[in-house]
N, C-alpha and C. Protein backbone atom coordinates (compact mmCIF):
# COMPACT_ATOMS: atom_id res chain seq x y z
N UNK A 1 45.33 49.34 19.58
CA UNK A 1 45.03 49.73 18.21
C UNK A 1 44.05 50.91 18.19
N UNK A 2 43.01 50.84 19.04
CA UNK A 2 42.04 51.93 19.10
C UNK A 2 42.72 53.24 19.50
N UNK A 3 43.65 53.13 20.44
CA UNK A 3 44.38 54.32 20.90
C UNK A 3 45.14 54.97 19.74
N UNK A 4 45.76 54.15 18.93
CA UNK A 4 46.53 54.66 17.79
C UNK A 4 45.64 55.32 16.75
N UNK A 5 44.49 54.76 16.51
CA UNK A 5 43.55 55.34 15.55
C UNK A 5 43.02 56.68 16.07
N UNK A 6 42.67 56.71 17.35
CA UNK A 6 42.18 57.96 17.95
C UNK A 6 43.28 59.02 17.90
N UNK A 7 44.50 58.62 18.24
CA UNK A 7 45.63 59.54 18.20
C UNK A 7 45.87 60.05 16.79
N UNK A 8 45.81 59.17 15.82
CA UNK A 8 46.00 59.54 14.42
C UNK A 8 44.91 60.52 13.97
N UNK A 9 43.67 60.23 14.32
CA UNK A 9 42.55 61.12 13.96
C UNK A 9 42.72 62.50 14.60
N UNK A 10 43.10 62.50 15.86
CA UNK A 10 43.31 63.79 16.55
C UNK A 10 44.45 64.57 15.90
N UNK A 11 45.51 63.88 15.55
CA UNK A 11 46.65 64.52 14.90
C UNK A 11 46.25 65.10 13.54
N UNK A 12 45.50 64.33 12.78
CA UNK A 12 45.04 64.81 11.47
C UNK A 12 44.14 66.03 11.61
N UNK A 13 43.21 65.98 12.55
CA UNK A 13 42.31 67.11 12.77
C UNK A 13 43.09 68.35 13.20
N UNK A 14 44.05 68.16 14.10
CA UNK A 14 44.89 69.27 14.55
C UNK A 14 45.64 69.89 13.37
N UNK A 15 46.22 69.05 12.51
CA UNK A 15 46.95 69.55 11.34
C UNK A 15 46.04 70.31 10.39
N UNK A 16 44.83 69.81 10.18
CA UNK A 16 43.88 70.49 9.30
C UNK A 16 43.53 71.86 9.87
N UNK A 17 43.29 71.92 11.17
CA UNK A 17 42.91 73.19 11.79
C UNK A 17 44.07 74.19 11.78
N UNK A 18 45.26 73.74 12.15
CA UNK A 18 46.42 74.64 12.19
C UNK A 18 46.83 75.07 10.79
N UNK A 19 46.97 74.12 9.89
CA UNK A 19 47.36 74.47 8.50
C UNK A 19 46.26 75.30 7.85
N UNK A 20 45.01 74.96 8.14
CA UNK A 20 43.88 75.70 7.58
C UNK A 20 43.90 77.14 8.02
N UNK A 21 44.27 77.34 9.28
CA UNK A 21 44.33 78.71 9.79
C UNK A 21 45.39 79.50 9.03
N UNK A 22 46.49 78.86 8.67
CA UNK A 22 47.52 79.53 7.88
C UNK A 22 47.09 79.68 6.42
N UNK A 23 46.39 78.69 5.89
CA UNK A 23 46.00 78.71 4.49
C UNK A 23 44.91 79.72 4.18
N UNK A 24 44.13 80.10 5.19
CA UNK A 24 43.04 81.04 4.91
C UNK A 24 43.58 82.35 4.34
N UNK A 25 44.80 82.70 4.68
CA UNK A 25 45.38 83.94 4.16
C UNK A 25 45.62 83.84 2.65
N UNK A 26 46.15 82.73 2.22
CA UNK A 26 46.38 82.53 0.78
C UNK A 26 45.04 82.41 0.05
N UNK A 27 44.11 81.69 0.63
CA UNK A 27 42.78 81.56 0.02
C UNK A 27 42.10 82.91 -0.13
N UNK A 28 42.29 83.78 0.84
CA UNK A 28 41.68 85.12 0.79
C UNK A 28 42.32 85.97 -0.30
N UNK A 29 43.64 85.88 -0.43
CA UNK A 29 44.35 86.59 -1.50
C UNK A 29 43.88 86.13 -2.87
N UNK A 30 43.69 84.83 -3.00
CA UNK A 30 43.34 84.23 -4.29
C UNK A 30 41.85 84.30 -4.60
N UNK A 31 41.03 84.52 -3.58
CA UNK A 31 39.59 84.53 -3.79
C UNK A 31 38.98 83.14 -3.82
N UNK A 32 39.56 82.21 -3.08
CA UNK A 32 39.09 80.83 -3.07
C UNK A 32 38.01 80.67 -1.98
N UNK A 33 36.79 81.05 -2.32
CA UNK A 33 35.69 81.03 -1.36
C UNK A 33 35.36 79.61 -0.92
N UNK A 34 35.43 78.65 -1.82
CA UNK A 34 35.11 77.26 -1.48
C UNK A 34 36.03 76.76 -0.37
N UNK A 35 37.31 77.04 -0.49
CA UNK A 35 38.27 76.60 0.52
C UNK A 35 38.04 77.34 1.84
N UNK A 36 37.75 78.62 1.77
CA UNK A 36 37.47 79.39 2.99
C UNK A 36 36.23 78.84 3.69
N UNK A 37 35.22 78.54 2.91
CA UNK A 37 33.97 77.99 3.46
C UNK A 37 34.25 76.67 4.19
N UNK A 38 35.10 75.84 3.62
CA UNK A 38 35.45 74.56 4.26
C UNK A 38 36.17 74.79 5.58
N UNK A 39 37.07 75.75 5.60
CA UNK A 39 37.78 76.06 6.84
C UNK A 39 36.83 76.60 7.91
N UNK A 40 35.90 77.45 7.50
CA UNK A 40 34.94 78.01 8.45
C UNK A 40 34.04 76.93 9.03
N UNK A 41 33.75 75.90 8.24
CA UNK A 41 32.93 74.80 8.74
C UNK A 41 33.65 74.05 9.86
N UNK A 42 34.98 74.02 9.80
CA UNK A 42 35.77 73.34 10.83
C UNK A 42 36.02 74.23 12.05
N UNK A 43 36.25 75.50 11.78
CA UNK A 43 36.59 76.41 12.88
C UNK A 43 36.15 77.82 12.51
N UNK A 44 35.00 78.20 12.99
CA UNK A 44 34.37 79.47 12.66
C UNK A 44 35.26 80.68 12.99
N UNK A 45 36.03 80.59 14.07
CA UNK A 45 36.86 81.71 14.55
C UNK A 45 37.98 82.09 13.59
N UNK A 46 38.31 81.21 12.65
CA UNK A 46 39.40 81.47 11.71
C UNK A 46 39.13 82.72 10.87
N UNK A 47 37.87 83.14 10.80
CA UNK A 47 37.50 84.29 9.96
C UNK A 47 38.21 85.58 10.38
N UNK A 48 38.49 85.73 11.67
CA UNK A 48 39.14 86.95 12.16
C UNK A 48 40.55 86.69 12.68
N UNK A 49 41.13 85.58 12.32
CA UNK A 49 42.50 85.31 12.72
C UNK A 49 43.43 86.25 11.96
N UNK A 50 44.61 86.50 12.50
CA UNK A 50 45.57 87.36 11.82
C UNK A 50 46.90 86.63 11.67
N UNK A 51 47.63 87.00 10.61
CA UNK A 51 48.94 86.39 10.39
C UNK A 51 50.02 87.19 11.11
N UNK A 52 51.27 86.87 10.86
CA UNK A 52 52.40 87.51 11.55
C UNK A 52 52.48 89.02 11.28
N UNK A 53 51.86 89.49 10.21
CA UNK A 53 51.84 90.93 9.90
C UNK A 53 50.58 91.61 10.44
N UNK A 54 49.71 90.81 11.04
CA UNK A 54 48.46 91.35 11.55
C UNK A 54 47.37 91.41 10.50
N UNK A 55 47.61 90.83 9.32
CA UNK A 55 46.61 90.84 8.25
C UNK A 55 45.54 89.80 8.54
N UNK A 56 44.29 90.22 8.47
CA UNK A 56 43.17 89.29 8.58
C UNK A 56 42.81 88.81 7.17
N UNK A 57 42.00 87.76 7.06
CA UNK A 57 41.55 87.35 5.74
C UNK A 57 40.85 88.49 4.99
N UNK A 58 40.06 89.29 5.69
CA UNK A 58 39.36 90.40 5.03
C UNK A 58 40.33 91.47 4.54
N UNK A 59 41.34 91.79 5.32
CA UNK A 59 42.34 92.77 4.88
C UNK A 59 42.99 92.29 3.57
N UNK A 60 43.35 91.02 3.53
CA UNK A 60 44.00 90.48 2.33
C UNK A 60 43.06 90.42 1.14
N UNK A 61 41.83 90.01 1.37
CA UNK A 61 40.85 89.96 0.27
C UNK A 61 40.62 91.37 -0.28
N UNK A 62 40.47 92.35 0.61
CA UNK A 62 40.23 93.73 0.17
C UNK A 62 41.44 94.27 -0.58
N UNK A 63 42.62 94.05 -0.06
CA UNK A 63 43.84 94.58 -0.66
C UNK A 63 44.09 93.98 -2.05
N UNK A 64 43.60 92.77 -2.27
CA UNK A 64 43.79 92.10 -3.57
C UNK A 64 42.54 92.18 -4.44
N UNK A 65 41.65 93.10 -4.09
CA UNK A 65 40.45 93.39 -4.89
C UNK A 65 39.58 92.16 -5.13
N UNK A 66 39.50 91.32 -4.12
CA UNK A 66 38.67 90.11 -4.19
C UNK A 66 37.27 90.48 -3.68
N UNK A 67 36.44 91.02 -4.57
CA UNK A 67 35.12 91.53 -4.20
C UNK A 67 34.23 90.41 -3.65
N UNK A 68 34.13 89.31 -4.36
CA UNK A 68 33.25 88.22 -3.91
C UNK A 68 33.73 87.62 -2.60
N UNK A 69 35.03 87.49 -2.44
CA UNK A 69 35.58 86.95 -1.20
C UNK A 69 35.35 87.92 -0.04
N UNK A 70 35.55 89.20 -0.29
CA UNK A 70 35.29 90.20 0.75
C UNK A 70 33.82 90.17 1.16
N UNK A 71 32.94 90.06 0.19
CA UNK A 71 31.50 89.97 0.47
C UNK A 71 31.20 88.73 1.30
N UNK A 72 31.76 87.60 0.89
CA UNK A 72 31.56 86.35 1.63
C UNK A 72 32.02 86.49 3.07
N UNK A 73 33.21 87.03 3.27
CA UNK A 73 33.75 87.18 4.62
C UNK A 73 32.88 88.11 5.47
N UNK A 74 32.45 89.21 4.89
CA UNK A 74 31.58 90.13 5.62
C UNK A 74 30.22 89.50 5.92
N UNK A 75 29.70 88.74 4.98
CA UNK A 75 28.43 88.03 5.20
C UNK A 75 28.54 87.00 6.32
N UNK A 76 29.78 86.56 6.58
CA UNK A 76 30.02 85.59 7.66
C UNK A 76 30.62 86.28 8.90
N UNK A 77 30.32 87.55 9.03
CA UNK A 77 30.65 88.34 10.22
C UNK A 77 32.12 88.63 10.45
N UNK A 78 32.89 88.75 9.38
CA UNK A 78 34.28 89.19 9.54
C UNK A 78 34.27 90.62 10.07
N UNK A 79 35.19 90.90 10.95
CA UNK A 79 35.30 92.23 11.55
C UNK A 79 36.01 93.17 10.56
N UNK A 80 35.31 94.21 10.07
CA UNK A 80 35.95 95.10 9.09
C UNK A 80 36.97 96.06 9.70
N UNK A 81 37.04 96.12 11.02
CA UNK A 81 37.92 97.09 11.66
C UNK A 81 39.19 96.51 12.28
N UNK A 82 39.50 95.25 11.97
CA UNK A 82 40.77 94.70 12.46
C UNK A 82 41.89 95.52 11.85
N UNK A 83 42.87 95.84 12.68
CA UNK A 83 44.03 96.62 12.23
C UNK A 83 45.26 95.73 12.19
N UNK A 84 46.05 95.90 11.13
CA UNK A 84 47.29 95.14 11.02
C UNK A 84 48.34 95.75 11.95
N UNK A 85 49.56 95.28 11.88
CA UNK A 85 50.60 95.76 12.80
C UNK A 85 50.95 97.24 12.60
N UNK A 86 50.58 97.81 11.46
CA UNK A 86 50.80 99.23 11.21
C UNK A 86 49.54 100.05 11.53
N UNK A 87 48.49 99.35 11.93
CA UNK A 87 47.24 100.02 12.27
C UNK A 87 46.30 100.21 11.09
N UNK A 88 46.65 99.65 9.94
CA UNK A 88 45.81 99.79 8.75
C UNK A 88 44.67 98.77 8.76
N UNK A 89 43.53 99.18 8.22
CA UNK A 89 42.35 98.33 8.12
C UNK A 89 42.13 97.92 6.66
N UNK A 90 41.16 97.06 6.46
CA UNK A 90 40.78 96.66 5.09
C UNK A 90 40.35 97.89 4.29
N UNK A 91 39.61 98.81 4.92
CA UNK A 91 39.17 100.02 4.23
C UNK A 91 40.37 100.88 3.82
N UNK A 92 41.33 101.00 4.67
CA UNK A 92 42.53 101.78 4.31
C UNK A 92 43.24 101.15 3.12
N UNK A 93 43.30 99.82 3.09
CA UNK A 93 43.92 99.14 1.96
C UNK A 93 43.18 99.42 0.66
N UNK A 94 41.85 99.39 0.73
CA UNK A 94 41.04 99.67 -0.47
C UNK A 94 41.23 101.12 -0.91
N UNK A 95 41.35 102.03 0.04
CA UNK A 95 41.55 103.45 -0.29
C UNK A 95 42.94 103.69 -0.88
N UNK A 96 43.93 103.01 -0.37
CA UNK A 96 45.29 103.11 -0.89
C UNK A 96 45.34 102.61 -2.34
N UNK A 97 44.71 101.46 -2.60
CA UNK A 97 44.75 100.85 -3.92
C UNK A 97 43.75 101.47 -4.90
N UNK A 98 42.72 102.15 -4.39
CA UNK A 98 41.72 102.77 -5.26
C UNK A 98 40.58 101.85 -5.65
N UNK A 99 40.29 100.86 -4.83
CA UNK A 99 39.23 99.89 -5.10
C UNK A 99 37.90 100.42 -4.59
N UNK A 100 37.18 101.12 -5.46
CA UNK A 100 35.94 101.80 -5.10
C UNK A 100 34.89 100.80 -4.60
N UNK A 101 34.69 99.72 -5.32
CA UNK A 101 33.66 98.75 -4.95
C UNK A 101 33.94 98.14 -3.59
N UNK A 102 35.18 97.79 -3.34
CA UNK A 102 35.56 97.22 -2.03
C UNK A 102 35.36 98.26 -0.94
N UNK A 103 35.77 99.49 -1.19
CA UNK A 103 35.60 100.55 -0.18
C UNK A 103 34.12 100.72 0.18
N UNK A 104 33.26 100.78 -0.84
CA UNK A 104 31.82 100.91 -0.59
C UNK A 104 31.28 99.71 0.19
N UNK A 105 31.70 98.53 -0.18
CA UNK A 105 31.28 97.31 0.49
C UNK A 105 31.64 97.35 1.97
N UNK A 106 32.86 97.74 2.27
CA UNK A 106 33.32 97.81 3.66
C UNK A 106 32.53 98.86 4.44
N UNK A 107 32.32 100.00 3.83
CA UNK A 107 31.55 101.06 4.49
C UNK A 107 30.12 100.59 4.76
N UNK A 108 29.50 99.97 3.76
CA UNK A 108 28.13 99.46 3.92
C UNK A 108 28.04 98.41 5.02
N UNK A 109 29.15 97.76 5.31
CA UNK A 109 29.17 96.71 6.33
C UNK A 109 29.76 97.19 7.65
N UNK A 110 29.73 98.50 7.84
CA UNK A 110 30.05 99.04 9.15
C UNK A 110 31.50 99.38 9.44
N UNK A 111 32.35 99.41 8.43
CA UNK A 111 33.75 99.78 8.68
C UNK A 111 33.80 101.20 9.25
N UNK A 112 34.64 101.39 10.24
CA UNK A 112 34.82 102.70 10.87
C UNK A 112 35.63 103.56 9.90
N UNK A 113 35.00 104.60 9.36
CA UNK A 113 35.67 105.41 8.34
C UNK A 113 36.72 106.35 8.91
N UNK A 114 36.67 106.61 10.20
CA UNK A 114 37.62 107.56 10.80
C UNK A 114 38.67 106.92 11.69
N UNK A 115 38.77 105.59 11.66
CA UNK A 115 39.81 104.94 12.46
C UNK A 115 41.17 105.41 11.95
N UNK A 116 42.14 105.53 12.87
CA UNK A 116 43.47 106.02 12.52
C UNK A 116 44.50 104.91 12.64
N UNK A 117 45.47 104.91 11.73
CA UNK A 117 46.56 103.93 11.84
C UNK A 117 47.65 104.50 12.76
N UNK A 118 48.76 103.80 12.86
CA UNK A 118 49.82 104.22 13.79
C UNK A 118 50.50 105.53 13.39
N UNK A 119 50.29 105.98 12.16
CA UNK A 119 50.81 107.27 11.71
C UNK A 119 49.74 108.36 11.80
N UNK A 120 48.57 107.99 12.29
CA UNK A 120 47.48 108.96 12.42
C UNK A 120 46.64 109.11 11.17
N UNK A 121 46.96 108.38 10.11
CA UNK A 121 46.22 108.50 8.85
C UNK A 121 44.88 107.78 8.94
N UNK A 122 43.92 108.29 8.17
CA UNK A 122 42.60 107.68 8.05
C UNK A 122 42.40 107.20 6.61
N UNK A 123 41.28 106.56 6.37
CA UNK A 123 40.94 106.13 5.01
C UNK A 123 40.85 107.34 4.09
N UNK A 124 40.29 108.45 4.58
CA UNK A 124 40.18 109.66 3.77
C UNK A 124 41.56 110.22 3.41
N UNK A 125 42.46 110.19 4.35
CA UNK A 125 43.82 110.67 4.06
C UNK A 125 44.47 109.80 2.98
N UNK A 126 44.28 108.48 3.06
CA UNK A 126 44.82 107.60 2.02
C UNK A 126 44.19 107.90 0.66
N UNK A 127 42.88 108.00 0.61
CA UNK A 127 42.20 108.25 -0.67
C UNK A 127 42.64 109.59 -1.26
N UNK A 128 42.82 110.60 -0.41
CA UNK A 128 43.25 111.92 -0.88
C UNK A 128 44.70 111.89 -1.35
N UNK A 129 45.54 111.22 -0.60
CA UNK A 129 46.97 111.15 -0.93
C UNK A 129 47.21 110.43 -2.26
N UNK A 130 46.47 109.35 -2.48
CA UNK A 130 46.72 108.53 -3.67
C UNK A 130 45.77 108.84 -4.81
N UNK A 131 44.99 109.92 -4.67
CA UNK A 131 44.21 110.45 -5.78
C UNK A 131 43.04 109.60 -6.24
N UNK A 132 42.17 109.24 -5.32
CA UNK A 132 41.00 108.42 -5.65
C UNK A 132 39.72 109.19 -5.36
N UNK A 133 39.30 110.05 -6.32
CA UNK A 133 38.17 110.95 -6.08
C UNK A 133 36.84 110.25 -5.78
N UNK A 134 36.55 109.12 -6.40
CA UNK A 134 35.28 108.43 -6.13
C UNK A 134 35.22 107.92 -4.69
N UNK A 135 36.35 107.47 -4.19
CA UNK A 135 36.39 107.01 -2.80
C UNK A 135 36.29 108.21 -1.86
N UNK A 136 36.97 109.29 -2.19
CA UNK A 136 36.87 110.51 -1.37
C UNK A 136 35.41 110.94 -1.27
N UNK A 137 34.71 110.97 -2.41
CA UNK A 137 33.29 111.36 -2.40
C UNK A 137 32.47 110.44 -1.51
N UNK A 138 32.69 109.14 -1.61
CA UNK A 138 31.94 108.17 -0.80
C UNK A 138 32.21 108.37 0.69
N UNK A 139 33.47 108.56 1.04
CA UNK A 139 33.82 108.77 2.45
C UNK A 139 33.18 110.05 2.99
N UNK A 140 33.21 111.11 2.20
CA UNK A 140 32.59 112.36 2.63
C UNK A 140 31.08 112.21 2.77
N UNK A 141 30.48 111.49 1.82
CA UNK A 141 29.04 111.24 1.87
C UNK A 141 28.66 110.49 3.15
N UNK A 142 29.56 109.66 3.62
CA UNK A 142 29.32 108.87 4.83
C UNK A 142 29.75 109.60 6.11
N UNK A 143 30.22 110.84 5.95
CA UNK A 143 30.54 111.66 7.12
C UNK A 143 31.97 111.61 7.60
N UNK A 144 32.90 111.24 6.74
CA UNK A 144 34.31 111.21 7.15
C UNK A 144 34.74 112.58 7.67
N UNK A 145 35.54 112.58 8.70
CA UNK A 145 35.97 113.80 9.36
C UNK A 145 37.16 114.43 8.61
N UNK A 146 36.90 115.59 8.01
CA UNK A 146 37.93 116.32 7.25
C UNK A 146 38.99 116.96 8.14
N UNK A 147 38.69 117.11 9.42
CA UNK A 147 39.60 117.84 10.32
C UNK A 147 40.68 116.95 10.93
N UNK A 148 40.57 115.63 10.76
CA UNK A 148 41.56 114.74 11.37
C UNK A 148 42.92 114.97 10.71
N UNK A 149 43.92 115.11 11.58
CA UNK A 149 45.30 115.29 11.11
C UNK A 149 46.10 114.04 11.44
N UNK A 150 47.03 113.70 10.55
CA UNK A 150 47.94 112.60 10.86
C UNK A 150 48.95 113.11 11.89
N UNK A 151 49.88 112.26 12.29
CA UNK A 151 50.82 112.64 13.35
C UNK A 151 51.89 113.63 12.89
N UNK A 152 51.87 114.00 11.62
CA UNK A 152 52.75 115.08 11.13
C UNK A 152 51.98 116.38 11.03
N UNK A 153 50.68 116.34 11.38
CA UNK A 153 49.86 117.54 11.39
C UNK A 153 49.14 117.84 10.09
N UNK A 154 49.06 116.85 9.19
CA UNK A 154 48.45 117.07 7.88
C UNK A 154 47.06 116.43 7.78
N UNK A 155 46.13 117.17 7.20
CA UNK A 155 44.78 116.66 6.94
C UNK A 155 44.74 116.05 5.55
N UNK A 156 43.59 115.50 5.19
CA UNK A 156 43.40 114.96 3.84
C UNK A 156 43.59 116.07 2.80
N UNK A 157 43.12 117.26 3.11
CA UNK A 157 43.29 118.40 2.20
C UNK A 157 44.77 118.69 1.98
N UNK A 158 45.53 118.69 3.07
CA UNK A 158 46.98 118.94 2.96
C UNK A 158 47.65 117.88 2.08
N UNK A 159 47.27 116.63 2.27
CA UNK A 159 47.88 115.55 1.47
C UNK A 159 47.52 115.67 0.00
N UNK A 160 46.26 115.97 -0.28
CA UNK A 160 45.85 116.14 -1.69
C UNK A 160 46.63 117.28 -2.33
N UNK A 161 46.80 118.37 -1.60
CA UNK A 161 47.55 119.53 -2.09
C UNK A 161 49.01 119.16 -2.33
N UNK A 162 49.64 118.48 -1.36
CA UNK A 162 51.06 118.10 -1.49
C UNK A 162 51.30 117.17 -2.67
N UNK A 163 50.33 116.30 -2.97
CA UNK A 163 50.48 115.34 -4.06
C UNK A 163 50.02 115.90 -5.40
N UNK A 164 49.46 117.09 -5.38
CA UNK A 164 48.97 117.68 -6.62
C UNK A 164 47.72 117.01 -7.16
N UNK A 165 46.93 116.42 -6.28
CA UNK A 165 45.69 115.75 -6.69
C UNK A 165 44.56 116.77 -6.75
N UNK A 166 44.54 117.53 -7.84
CA UNK A 166 43.63 118.65 -8.00
C UNK A 166 42.16 118.24 -7.94
N UNK A 167 41.80 117.17 -8.61
CA UNK A 167 40.41 116.71 -8.61
C UNK A 167 39.95 116.36 -7.20
N UNK A 168 40.79 115.68 -6.47
CA UNK A 168 40.47 115.33 -5.08
C UNK A 168 40.40 116.60 -4.23
N UNK A 169 41.32 117.50 -4.44
CA UNK A 169 41.35 118.76 -3.68
C UNK A 169 40.05 119.55 -3.88
N UNK A 170 39.57 119.61 -5.10
CA UNK A 170 38.32 120.31 -5.38
C UNK A 170 37.15 119.67 -4.63
N UNK A 171 37.13 118.35 -4.57
CA UNK A 171 36.06 117.66 -3.84
C UNK A 171 36.14 117.96 -2.35
N UNK A 172 37.35 117.94 -1.82
CA UNK A 172 37.55 118.16 -0.39
C UNK A 172 37.23 119.61 0.02
N UNK A 173 37.50 120.54 -0.88
CA UNK A 173 37.24 121.95 -0.58
C UNK A 173 35.79 122.30 -0.88
């Protein structure tokens, strides 16, 4: 009987840990800090786990503009520079979507502003391409490298020009 109880307890704990590791992605998208906190209490390493697309909880929280969740994850030592399967980081996601507060938060917490994805793009290239002048200003203020070219040979200036993002182009020039 004791063996069965121990086995049952071990099975339940295993299921909580494995399912929890999968659920952290949904909790991060939704901004469910309470659930994330419970998972971290069971297994601290879950904070930097990645799903089948390479998305970390922080990448998902940032991409879905979950400011409080992103702050919580960073306060609990989430790595801001994890790259998904395309090489994109949480900062790149914030720059793509135009989430100024998230971008600043990630930068303040040590995100590498010049990391490149698999296409050679940086956070600055994303912000310039998608026309987010406040993020462009913040990246430049933090020393983003204007000379980095993507693998097609285009800089952030080139992308802003190609997209007709005049306000961003003026900031970059």
